[in-house]
Amino acid sequence: MKSKISQTQTLSGTSEKHVPVSIISLLIMLMFLLATTSANAGWRSGYFKCAKTDIIDVRPATITEGAVTLGLTTLASVLPMDVADLLDSSEDITVFAPTNEAFAAIPGDLLTLIASDEDILTTVLAYHVVPNKVDPRRVRYIRKYDTLAGQTLFASRDRTGPMVNQSEVECQGYRTANGLVWVVNSVFLPQF
């Protein structure tokens, strides 16, 4: 049986062994496959770990009462009374609630502008509300959520966990008397 590895003479007179291209290609493909599989394994383990996190039940609290209970004091303080009433009277809604730090990250002039105009504030807040229950932890591919503002949020995931509009969503969700609350690390700003 003849060996697939051939020997050739070099200019210096020594012989070299050459490995056929097909073996090199196979090794490269194998290395790529192993790297991709380990990356996907990390993604999948993070997906399942997050997806298996239990939703904490804070009932009988409503959405706005739940925001206060969760320490989302900035969100609770900027809610106009009519928006708070709408949130508390709606059934089976989902709110992506920004943290206090998310509000603090908005430049002061922009935050003042948003807070000073009730129509803009209502639109920004409505952009965080989906009129049905959704679970961003269960998203494997990009999914669209229509909001009360009439615009769309995009849910996806990266290696750290669920994302909505490029904002990280905490794996821990909260069930209130009238819907779900998911804490996010930034304020979503709709298009005007």
N, C-alpha and C. Protein backbone atom coordinates (compact mmCIF):
# COMPACT_ATOMS: atom_id res chain seq x y z
N MET A 1 0.84 -1.17 0.00
CA MET A 1 0.00 0.00 0.00
C MET A 1 0.88 1.23 0.00
N LYS A 2 0.55 2.16 -0.84
CA LYS A 2 1.37 3.34 -1.01
C LYS A 2 0.93 4.44 -0.06
N SER A 3 1.88 5.14 0.55
CA SER A 3 1.58 6.22 1.48
C SER A 3 1.07 7.44 0.72
N LYS A 4 0.11 8.16 1.34
CA LYS A 4 -0.43 9.37 0.72
C LYS A 4 0.50 10.55 0.95
N ILE A 5 1.46 10.40 1.84
CA ILE A 5 2.40 11.48 2.11
C ILE A 5 3.58 11.29 1.17
N SER A 6 3.88 12.31 0.38
CA SER A 6 4.97 12.19 -0.59
C SER A 6 6.20 12.94 -0.11
N GLN A 7 7.33 12.51 -0.62
CA GLN A 7 8.58 13.19 -0.29
C GLN A 7 9.10 13.87 -1.54
N THR A 8 9.64 15.09 -1.35
CA THR A 8 10.25 15.82 -2.46
C THR A 8 11.59 16.34 -2.00
N GLN A 9 12.45 16.58 -2.95
CA GLN A 9 13.77 17.13 -2.66
C GLN A 9 13.69 18.65 -2.69
N THR A 10 14.34 19.29 -1.74
CA THR A 10 14.42 20.75 -1.73
C THR A 10 15.74 21.17 -2.34
N LEU A 11 15.94 22.44 -2.54
CA LEU A 11 17.17 22.94 -3.13
C LEU A 11 18.39 22.59 -2.27
N SER A 12 18.20 22.49 -0.96
CA SER A 12 19.33 22.18 -0.09
C SER A 12 19.65 20.70 -0.09
N GLY A 13 18.87 19.90 -0.77
CA GLY A 13 19.14 18.47 -0.85
C GLY A 13 18.43 17.65 0.20
N THR A 14 17.76 18.29 1.15
CA THR A 14 17.04 17.52 2.16
C THR A 14 15.64 17.20 1.64
N SER A 15 15.05 16.21 2.20
CA SER A 15 13.70 15.85 1.75
C SER A 15 12.67 16.39 2.73
N GLU A 16 11.49 16.77 2.20
CA GLU A 16 10.37 17.26 3.00
C GLU A 16 9.17 16.37 2.76
N LYS A 17 8.34 16.27 3.75
CA LYS A 17 7.10 15.52 3.59
C LYS A 17 5.97 16.50 3.37
N HIS A 18 5.09 16.22 2.45
CA HIS A 18 3.93 17.06 2.16
C HIS A 18 2.66 16.31 2.52
N VAL A 19 1.80 17.01 3.22
CA VAL A 19 0.52 16.44 3.59
C VAL A 19 -0.49 16.89 2.53
N PRO A 20 -1.29 16.01 2.00
CA PRO A 20 -2.25 16.41 0.98
C PRO A 20 -3.19 17.50 1.51
N VAL A 21 -3.65 18.33 0.62
CA VAL A 21 -4.51 19.45 0.96
C VAL A 21 -5.78 18.98 1.65
N SER A 22 -6.29 17.85 1.29
CA SER A 22 -7.54 17.39 1.87
C SER A 22 -7.43 17.15 3.38
N ILE A 23 -6.30 16.69 3.86
CA ILE A 23 -6.11 16.47 5.29
C ILE A 23 -6.02 17.82 6.01
N ILE A 24 -5.31 18.77 5.42
CA ILE A 24 -5.21 20.10 6.02
C ILE A 24 -6.59 20.74 6.08
N SER A 25 -7.34 20.63 5.01
CA SER A 25 -8.70 21.19 5.00
C SER A 25 -9.56 20.55 6.07
N LEU A 26 -9.42 19.25 6.22
CA LEU A 26 -10.19 18.53 7.23
C LEU A 26 -9.83 19.00 8.63
N LEU A 27 -8.55 19.20 8.89
CA LEU A 27 -8.12 19.68 10.21
C LEU A 27 -8.64 21.09 10.49
N ILE A 28 -8.60 21.95 9.49
CA ILE A 28 -9.11 23.31 9.67
C ILE A 28 -10.61 23.29 9.96
N MET A 29 -11.34 22.48 9.21
CA MET A 29 -12.78 22.38 9.43
C MET A 29 -13.08 21.83 10.82
N LEU A 30 -12.30 20.86 11.27
CA LEU A 30 -12.50 20.27 12.58
C LEU A 30 -12.25 21.31 13.68
N MET A 31 -11.19 22.11 13.54
CA MET A 31 -10.89 23.15 14.52
C MET A 31 -12.01 24.19 14.55
N PHE A 32 -12.52 24.58 13.38
CA PHE A 32 -13.62 25.54 13.31
C PHE A 32 -14.87 24.98 13.97
N LEU A 33 -15.18 23.74 13.70
CA LEU A 33 -16.35 23.08 14.28
C LEU A 33 -16.26 23.03 15.80
N LEU A 34 -15.09 22.68 16.31
CA LEU A 34 -14.91 22.62 17.76
C LEU A 34 -15.06 24.00 18.40
N ALA A 35 -14.51 25.01 17.77
CA ALA A 35 -14.61 26.37 18.31
C ALA A 35 -16.06 26.84 18.28
N THR A 36 -16.75 26.59 17.19
CA THR A 36 -18.14 27.00 17.07
C THR A 36 -19.02 26.25 18.05
N THR A 37 -18.80 24.97 18.21
CA THR A 37 -19.61 24.17 19.12
C THR A 37 -19.42 24.62 20.56
N SER A 38 -18.21 24.91 20.96
CA SER A 38 -18.00 25.35 22.34
C SER A 38 -18.62 26.72 22.57
N ALA A 39 -18.58 27.59 21.55
CA ALA A 39 -19.23 28.89 21.69
C ALA A 39 -20.73 28.71 21.81
N ASN A 40 -21.29 27.84 20.98
CA ASN A 40 -22.74 27.59 21.05
C ASN A 40 -23.12 26.93 22.36
N ALA A 41 -22.26 26.08 22.87
CA ALA A 41 -22.56 25.43 24.15
C ALA A 41 -22.68 26.47 25.25
N GLY A 42 -21.80 27.46 25.24
CA GLY A 42 -21.88 28.54 26.21
C GLY A 42 -23.15 29.35 26.05
N TRP A 43 -23.52 29.60 24.78
CA TRP A 43 -24.75 30.33 24.50
C TRP A 43 -25.94 29.53 24.99
N ARG A 44 -25.95 28.23 24.66
CA ARG A 44 -27.09 27.39 25.04
C ARG A 44 -27.18 27.23 26.55
N SER A 45 -26.05 27.05 27.22
CA SER A 45 -26.14 26.88 28.67
C SER A 45 -26.64 28.16 29.33
N GLY A 46 -26.22 29.32 28.82
CA GLY A 46 -26.73 30.59 29.34
C GLY A 46 -28.21 30.74 29.04
N TYR A 47 -28.62 30.30 27.85
CA TYR A 47 -30.03 30.36 27.46
C TYR A 47 -30.87 29.54 28.42
N PHE A 48 -30.48 28.30 28.64
CA PHE A 48 -31.27 27.42 29.49
C PHE A 48 -31.24 27.86 30.95
N LYS A 49 -30.09 28.34 31.40
CA LYS A 49 -30.00 28.81 32.78
C LYS A 49 -30.95 29.98 33.00
N CYS A 50 -30.96 30.90 32.08
CA CYS A 50 -31.84 32.07 32.20
C CYS A 50 -33.30 31.67 32.02
N ALA A 51 -33.58 30.82 31.04
CA ALA A 51 -34.97 30.43 30.76
C ALA A 51 -35.59 29.64 31.92
N LYS A 52 -34.75 28.98 32.70
CA LYS A 52 -35.27 28.18 33.82
C LYS A 52 -35.44 28.98 35.10
N THR A 53 -35.04 30.25 35.10
CA THR A 53 -35.21 31.09 36.27
C THR A 53 -36.70 31.31 36.52
N ASP A 54 -37.14 31.05 37.73
CA ASP A 54 -38.56 31.22 38.06
C ASP A 54 -38.92 32.70 38.08
N ILE A 55 -40.16 32.96 37.66
CA ILE A 55 -40.70 34.32 37.75
C ILE A 55 -41.21 34.51 39.17
N ILE A 56 -40.81 35.60 39.80
CA ILE A 56 -41.24 35.87 41.17
C ILE A 56 -42.63 36.49 41.16
N ASP A 57 -43.48 35.96 41.98
CA ASP A 57 -44.86 36.42 42.06
C ASP A 57 -44.95 37.53 43.11
N VAL A 58 -45.30 38.75 42.68
CA VAL A 58 -45.45 39.88 43.61
C VAL A 58 -46.92 40.29 43.73
N ARG A 59 -47.82 39.40 43.27
CA ARG A 59 -49.25 39.69 43.40
C ARG A 59 -49.62 39.78 44.88
N PRO A 60 -50.52 40.57 45.25
CA PRO A 60 -51.54 41.27 44.48
C PRO A 60 -51.09 42.64 43.96
N ALA A 61 -49.81 42.96 44.02
CA ALA A 61 -49.34 44.25 43.54
C ALA A 61 -49.63 44.40 42.05
N THR A 62 -49.98 45.61 41.65
CA THR A 62 -50.18 45.92 40.23
C THR A 62 -48.82 46.28 39.63
N ILE A 63 -48.83 46.63 38.36
CA ILE A 63 -47.57 46.99 37.69
C ILE A 63 -46.87 48.14 38.41
N THR A 64 -47.58 49.23 38.69
CA THR A 64 -46.92 50.38 39.31
C THR A 64 -46.53 50.09 40.76
N GLU A 65 -47.36 49.36 41.48
CA GLU A 65 -46.99 48.98 42.85
C GLU A 65 -45.77 48.05 42.81
N GLY A 66 -45.73 47.18 41.82
CA GLY A 66 -44.58 46.28 41.66
C GLY A 66 -43.30 47.04 41.39
N ALA A 67 -43.40 48.12 40.60
CA ALA A 67 -42.21 48.94 40.32
C ALA A 67 -41.64 49.53 41.60
N VAL A 68 -42.52 50.00 42.47
CA VAL A 68 -42.07 50.55 43.76
C VAL A 68 -41.47 49.45 44.62
N THR A 69 -42.14 48.30 44.68
CA THR A 69 -41.64 47.16 45.46
C THR A 69 -40.26 46.72 45.00
N LEU A 70 -40.03 46.79 43.67
CA LEU A 70 -38.74 46.37 43.11
C LEU A 70 -37.66 47.43 43.24
N GLY A 71 -38.00 48.58 43.79
CA GLY A 71 -37.01 49.64 43.96
C GLY A 71 -36.80 50.49 42.72
N LEU A 72 -37.71 50.41 41.77
CA LEU A 72 -37.61 51.20 40.55
C LEU A 72 -38.28 52.56 40.80
N THR A 73 -37.71 53.30 41.71
CA THR A 73 -38.32 54.52 42.20
C THR A 73 -38.37 55.63 41.16
N THR A 74 -37.36 55.71 40.30
CA THR A 74 -37.37 56.75 39.27
C THR A 74 -38.52 56.51 38.30
N LEU A 75 -38.69 55.28 37.87
CA LEU A 75 -39.80 54.95 36.98
C LEU A 75 -41.13 55.30 37.64
N ALA A 76 -41.30 54.90 38.88
CA ALA A 76 -42.55 55.17 39.59
C ALA A 76 -42.78 56.67 39.75
N SER A 77 -41.72 57.43 39.92
CA SER A 77 -41.88 58.88 40.15
C SER A 77 -42.19 59.65 38.87
N VAL A 78 -41.78 59.16 37.72
CA VAL A 78 -42.04 59.90 36.47
C VAL A 78 -43.35 59.51 35.80
N LEU A 79 -44.02 58.48 36.31
CA LEU A 79 -45.28 58.05 35.70
C LEU A 79 -46.38 59.10 35.94
N PRO A 80 -46.91 59.69 34.87
CA PRO A 80 -48.07 60.56 35.07
C PRO A 80 -49.24 59.73 35.61
N MET A 81 -50.12 60.34 36.35
CA MET A 81 -51.21 59.62 37.00
C MET A 81 -52.08 58.86 35.99
N ASP A 82 -52.37 59.46 34.82
CA ASP A 82 -53.21 58.78 33.84
C ASP A 82 -52.51 57.56 33.25
N VAL A 83 -51.18 57.62 33.09
CA VAL A 83 -50.42 56.47 32.59
C VAL A 83 -50.38 55.37 33.66
N ALA A 84 -50.18 55.77 34.91
CA ALA A 84 -50.18 54.80 36.01
C ALA A 84 -51.54 54.09 36.10
N ASP A 85 -52.62 54.87 35.96
CA ASP A 85 -53.96 54.27 35.99
C ASP A 85 -54.16 53.32 34.82
N LEU A 86 -53.69 53.71 33.64
CA LEU A 86 -53.80 52.84 32.47
C LEU A 86 -53.04 51.54 32.68
N LEU A 87 -51.81 51.63 33.21
CA LEU A 87 -51.02 50.43 33.45
C LEU A 87 -51.69 49.52 34.48
N ASP A 88 -52.23 50.11 35.52
CA ASP A 88 -52.83 49.30 36.58
C ASP A 88 -54.18 48.71 36.20
N SER A 89 -54.87 49.32 35.23
CA SER A 89 -56.18 48.81 34.83
C SER A 89 -56.10 47.86 33.63
N SER A 90 -54.96 47.82 32.95
CA SER A 90 -54.80 46.92 31.80
C SER A 90 -54.53 45.51 32.27
N GLU A 91 -54.97 44.53 31.50
CA GLU A 91 -54.76 43.12 31.83
C GLU A 91 -53.74 42.50 30.90
N ASP A 92 -52.98 41.56 31.43
CA ASP A 92 -52.03 40.76 30.64
C ASP A 92 -51.07 41.61 29.80
N ILE A 93 -50.43 42.57 30.43
CA ILE A 93 -49.45 43.41 29.74
C ILE A 93 -48.05 43.05 30.22
N THR A 94 -47.07 43.49 29.47
CA THR A 94 -45.67 43.33 29.85
C THR A 94 -45.02 44.70 29.86
N VAL A 95 -44.30 44.99 30.93
CA VAL A 95 -43.58 46.26 31.04
C VAL A 95 -42.10 45.95 31.15
N PHE A 96 -41.31 46.59 30.29
CA PHE A 96 -39.86 46.54 30.39
C PHE A 96 -39.46 47.77 31.20
N ALA A 97 -39.15 47.54 32.47
CA ALA A 97 -38.96 48.63 33.43
C ALA A 97 -37.48 48.98 33.58
N PRO A 98 -37.10 50.22 33.21
CA PRO A 98 -35.70 50.63 33.36
C PRO A 98 -35.32 50.82 34.83
N THR A 99 -34.08 50.50 35.12
CA THR A 99 -33.55 50.69 36.47
C THR A 99 -33.35 52.18 36.75
N ASN A 100 -33.14 52.51 38.01
CA ASN A 100 -32.83 53.89 38.38
C ASN A 100 -31.54 54.34 37.67
N GLU A 101 -30.57 53.44 37.55
CA GLU A 101 -29.31 53.76 36.88
C GLU A 101 -29.53 54.05 35.40
N ALA A 102 -30.51 53.38 34.77
CA ALA A 102 -30.81 53.62 33.36
C ALA A 102 -31.32 55.05 33.17
N PHE A 103 -32.17 55.51 34.08
CA PHE A 103 -32.65 56.89 33.99
C PHE A 103 -31.50 57.86 34.25
N ALA A 104 -30.63 57.54 35.19
CA ALA A 104 -29.49 58.43 35.51
C ALA A 104 -28.52 58.54 34.34
N ALA A 105 -28.50 57.55 33.46
CA ALA A 105 -27.58 57.56 32.33
C ALA A 105 -28.06 58.47 31.19
N ILE A 106 -29.31 58.90 31.23
CA ILE A 106 -29.82 59.81 30.19
C ILE A 106 -29.22 61.19 30.43
N PRO A 107 -28.69 61.84 29.40
CA PRO A 107 -28.15 63.19 29.58
C PRO A 107 -29.21 64.12 30.18
N GLY A 108 -28.78 64.97 31.09
CA GLY A 108 -29.69 65.84 31.84
C GLY A 108 -30.63 66.66 30.98
N ASP A 109 -30.12 67.26 29.89
CA ASP A 109 -30.97 68.08 29.03
C ASP A 109 -32.07 67.24 28.38
N LEU A 110 -31.72 66.05 27.95
CA LEU A 110 -32.71 65.17 27.33
C LEU A 110 -33.75 64.70 28.35
N LEU A 111 -33.31 64.36 29.53
CA LEU A 111 -34.24 63.93 30.58
C LEU A 111 -35.20 65.07 30.95
N THR A 112 -34.69 66.28 31.03
CA THR A 112 -35.53 67.44 31.33
C THR A 112 -36.56 67.65 30.23
N LEU A 113 -36.12 67.53 28.98
CA LEU A 113 -37.03 67.68 27.84
C LEU A 113 -38.14 66.63 27.88
N ILE A 114 -37.77 65.39 28.12
CA ILE A 114 -38.77 64.30 28.18
C ILE A 114 -39.74 64.54 29.32
N ALA A 115 -39.23 64.87 30.49
CA ALA A 115 -40.08 65.05 31.68
C ALA A 115 -40.98 66.28 31.58
N SER A 116 -40.56 67.30 30.81
CA SER A 116 -41.33 68.54 30.74
C SER A 116 -42.48 68.48 29.74
N ASP A 117 -42.49 67.52 28.86
CA ASP A 117 -43.55 67.40 27.86
C ASP A 117 -44.30 66.09 28.10
N GLU A 118 -45.53 66.19 28.58
CA GLU A 118 -46.28 64.98 28.95
C GLU A 118 -46.53 64.06 27.75
N ASP A 119 -46.71 64.62 26.55
CA ASP A 119 -46.92 63.78 25.36
C ASP A 119 -45.67 62.96 25.05
N ILE A 120 -44.50 63.59 25.12
CA ILE A 120 -43.24 62.87 24.87
C ILE A 120 -43.02 61.82 25.95
N LEU A 121 -43.23 62.21 27.21
CA LEU A 121 -43.06 61.28 28.33
C LEU A 121 -43.98 60.07 28.18
N THR A 122 -45.24 60.32 27.84
CA THR A 122 -46.20 59.23 27.66
C THR A 122 -45.78 58.31 26.52
N THR A 123 -45.28 58.87 25.42
CA THR A 123 -44.81 58.05 24.30
C THR A 123 -43.60 57.20 24.70
N VAL A 124 -42.66 57.82 25.42
CA VAL A 124 -41.47 57.06 25.87
C VAL A 124 -41.89 55.92 26.80
N LEU A 125 -42.78 56.21 27.73
CA LEU A 125 -43.22 55.17 28.67
C LEU A 125 -44.03 54.09 27.95
N ALA A 126 -44.90 54.48 27.01
CA ALA A 126 -45.71 53.51 26.26
C ALA A 126 -44.84 52.61 25.40
N TYR A 127 -43.66 53.09 25.04
CA TYR A 127 -42.72 52.29 24.24
C TYR A 127 -42.13 51.14 25.06
N HIS A 128 -42.31 51.16 26.36
CA HIS A 128 -41.84 50.10 27.24
C HIS A 128 -42.92 49.07 27.56
N VAL A 129 -44.11 49.25 26.99
CA VAL A 129 -45.26 48.40 27.34
C VAL A 129 -45.72 47.61 26.12
N VAL A 130 -45.81 46.29 26.29
CA VAL A 130 -46.32 45.38 25.26
C VAL A 130 -47.71 44.94 25.73
N PRO A 131 -48.72 45.00 24.84
CA PRO A 131 -50.09 44.72 25.28
C PRO A 131 -50.43 43.25 25.50
N ASN A 132 -49.45 42.41 25.67
CA ASN A 132 -49.68 41.01 26.03
C ASN A 132 -48.47 40.52 26.83
N LYS A 133 -48.61 39.34 27.42
CA LYS A 133 -47.51 38.80 28.21
C LYS A 133 -46.46 38.20 27.29
N VAL A 134 -45.21 38.64 27.47
CA VAL A 134 -44.10 38.09 26.69
C VAL A 134 -42.96 37.72 27.64
N ASP A 135 -42.16 36.77 27.21
CA ASP A 135 -41.03 36.31 28.01
C ASP A 135 -39.77 36.39 27.16
N PRO A 136 -38.98 37.46 27.31
CA PRO A 136 -37.79 37.63 26.47
C PRO A 136 -36.72 36.56 26.70
N ARG A 137 -36.82 35.81 27.79
CA ARG A 137 -35.85 34.75 28.05
C ARG A 137 -36.00 33.61 27.06
N ARG A 138 -37.16 33.46 26.48
CA ARG A 138 -37.46 32.33 25.60
C ARG A 138 -37.13 32.62 24.13
N VAL A 139 -36.58 33.78 23.86
CA VAL A 139 -36.26 34.17 22.48
C VAL A 139 -34.95 33.51 22.05
N ARG A 140 -35.01 32.79 20.94
CA ARG A 140 -33.78 32.21 20.37
C ARG A 140 -33.31 33.01 19.17
N TYR A 141 -34.24 33.56 18.44
CA TYR A 141 -33.95 34.38 17.27
C TYR A 141 -34.66 35.71 17.47
N ILE A 142 -34.38 36.66 16.63
CA ILE A 142 -34.98 37.99 16.80
C ILE A 142 -36.50 37.89 16.73
N ARG A 143 -37.15 38.53 17.68
CA ARG A 143 -38.61 38.54 17.74
C ARG A 143 -39.06 39.99 17.91
N LYS A 144 -40.18 40.31 17.28
CA LYS A 144 -40.72 41.67 17.35
C LYS A 144 -41.87 41.71 18.35
N TYR A 145 -41.89 42.79 19.14
CA TYR A 145 -42.99 43.04 20.06
C TYR A 145 -43.59 44.41 19.73
N ASP A 146 -44.86 44.45 19.40
CA ASP A 146 -45.53 45.73 19.19
C ASP A 146 -45.83 46.34 20.55
N THR A 147 -45.66 47.65 20.65
CA THR A 147 -45.84 48.34 21.93
C THR A 147 -47.08 49.24 21.90
N LEU A 148 -47.45 49.74 23.07
CA LEU A 148 -48.57 50.68 23.16
C LEU A 148 -48.26 52.01 22.48
N ALA A 149 -46.98 52.29 22.23
CA ALA A 149 -46.60 53.52 21.53
C ALA A 149 -46.79 53.37 20.02
N GLY A 150 -47.17 52.17 19.56
CA GLY A 150 -47.35 51.95 18.13
C GLY A 150 -46.05 51.66 17.40
N GLN A 151 -44.98 51.45 18.13
CA GLN A 151 -43.70 51.12 17.53
C GLN A 151 -43.27 49.73 17.99
N THR A 152 -42.21 49.23 17.41
CA THR A 152 -41.80 47.85 17.65
C THR A 152 -40.52 47.78 18.48
N LEU A 153 -40.51 46.85 19.43
CA LEU A 153 -39.29 46.49 20.15
C LEU A 153 -38.75 45.22 19.51
N PHE A 154 -37.45 45.04 19.56
CA PHE A 154 -36.83 43.85 19.01
C PHE A 154 -36.13 43.07 20.12
N ALA A 155 -36.59 41.86 20.34
CA ALA A 155 -36.00 41.00 21.36
C ALA A 155 -35.03 40.04 20.70
N SER A 156 -33.92 39.80 21.37
CA SER A 156 -32.91 38.86 20.88
C SER A 156 -32.15 38.37 22.10
N ARG A 157 -30.99 37.79 21.86
CA ARG A 157 -30.15 37.40 22.98
C ARG A 157 -28.70 37.42 22.53
N ASP A 158 -27.83 37.59 23.50
CA ASP A 158 -26.40 37.43 23.24
C ASP A 158 -25.86 36.49 24.31
N ARG A 159 -24.58 36.41 24.43
CA ARG A 159 -23.98 35.46 25.38
C ARG A 159 -24.34 35.76 26.84
N THR A 160 -24.67 37.02 27.13
CA THR A 160 -24.98 37.37 28.53
C THR A 160 -26.43 37.09 28.90
N GLY A 161 -27.31 37.02 27.91
CA GLY A 161 -28.71 36.76 28.21
C GLY A 161 -29.63 37.48 27.26
N PRO A 162 -30.89 37.63 27.66
CA PRO A 162 -31.87 38.26 26.78
C PRO A 162 -31.59 39.74 26.59
N MET A 163 -31.96 40.21 25.41
CA MET A 163 -31.78 41.62 25.05
C MET A 163 -33.08 42.13 24.44
N VAL A 164 -33.40 43.38 24.70
CA VAL A 164 -34.48 44.07 24.00
C VAL A 164 -33.92 45.40 23.55
N ASN A 165 -33.98 45.64 22.24
CA ASN A 165 -33.40 46.87 21.66
C ASN A 165 -31.98 47.12 22.16
N GLN A 166 -31.17 46.13 22.19
CA GLN A 166 -29.76 46.19 22.61
C GLN A 166 -29.59 46.51 24.09
N SER A 167 -30.64 46.40 24.86
CA SER A 167 -30.56 46.58 26.31
C SER A 167 -30.63 45.22 26.97
N GLU A 168 -29.85 45.04 28.01
CA GLU A 168 -29.88 43.76 28.73
C GLU A 168 -31.14 43.66 29.57
N VAL A 169 -31.74 42.47 29.53
CA VAL A 169 -32.93 42.18 30.33
C VAL A 169 -32.50 41.22 31.42
N GLU A 170 -32.85 41.53 32.67
CA GLU A 170 -32.52 40.61 33.76
C GLU A 170 -33.29 39.30 33.57
N CYS A 171 -32.66 38.19 33.91
CA CYS A 171 -33.31 36.89 33.79
C CYS A 171 -34.50 36.74 34.72
N GLN A 172 -34.49 37.49 35.78
CA GLN A 172 -35.57 37.40 36.78
C GLN A 172 -36.74 38.27 36.36
N GLY A 173 -37.89 37.65 36.14
CA GLY A 173 -39.11 38.38 35.83
C GLY A 173 -40.01 38.45 37.05
N TYR A 174 -41.01 39.34 37.01
CA TYR A 174 -41.91 39.53 38.14
C TYR A 174 -43.35 39.50 37.65
N ARG A 175 -44.16 38.66 38.26
CA ARG A 175 -45.58 38.55 37.92
C ARG A 175 -46.37 39.44 38.86
N THR A 176 -47.13 40.36 38.28
CA THR A 176 -47.99 41.24 39.07
C THR A 176 -49.44 40.82 38.86
N ALA A 177 -50.35 41.52 39.49
CA ALA A 177 -51.78 41.18 39.38
C ALA A 177 -52.29 41.33 37.95
N ASN A 178 -51.63 42.17 37.15
CA ASN A 178 -52.14 42.40 35.80
C ASN A 178 -51.10 42.25 34.69
N GLY A 179 -49.98 41.63 34.98
CA GLY A 179 -49.01 41.43 33.90
C GLY A 179 -47.64 41.02 34.41
N LEU A 180 -46.65 41.21 33.54
CA LEU A 180 -45.26 40.86 33.85
C LEU A 180 -44.38 42.10 33.81
N VAL A 181 -43.36 42.10 34.65
CA VAL A 181 -42.37 43.17 34.65
C VAL A 181 -41.01 42.53 34.42
N TRP A 182 -40.27 43.08 33.45
CA TRP A 182 -38.89 42.66 33.17
C TRP A 182 -38.00 43.90 33.35
N VAL A 183 -36.99 43.79 34.16
CA VAL A 183 -36.10 44.92 34.43
C VAL A 183 -35.04 44.99 33.34
N VAL A 184 -34.85 46.20 32.78
CA VAL A 184 -33.86 46.43 31.72
C VAL A 184 -32.86 47.48 32.16
N ASN A 185 -31.69 47.48 31.52
CA ASN A 185 -30.62 48.36 31.97
C ASN A 185 -30.52 49.67 31.19
N SER A 186 -31.53 49.99 30.38
CA SER A 186 -31.54 51.30 29.73
C SER A 186 -32.98 51.72 29.43
N VAL A 187 -33.14 53.00 29.15
CA VAL A 187 -34.44 53.53 28.79
C VAL A 187 -34.57 53.46 27.27
N PHE A 188 -35.66 52.87 26.80
CA PHE A 188 -35.91 52.78 25.35
C PHE A 188 -36.43 54.14 24.86
N LEU A 189 -35.83 54.65 23.82
CA LEU A 189 -36.30 55.91 23.25
C LEU A 189 -36.90 55.64 21.87
N PRO A 190 -38.20 55.91 21.70
CA PRO A 190 -38.83 55.66 20.41
C PRO A 190 -38.43 56.69 19.38
N GLN A 191 -38.80 56.42 18.13
CA GLN A 191 -38.56 57.40 17.07
C GLN A 191 -39.69 58.42 17.10
N PHE A 192 -39.34 59.68 16.89
CA PHE A 192 -40.36 60.74 16.87
C PHE A 192 -40.46 61.31 15.49
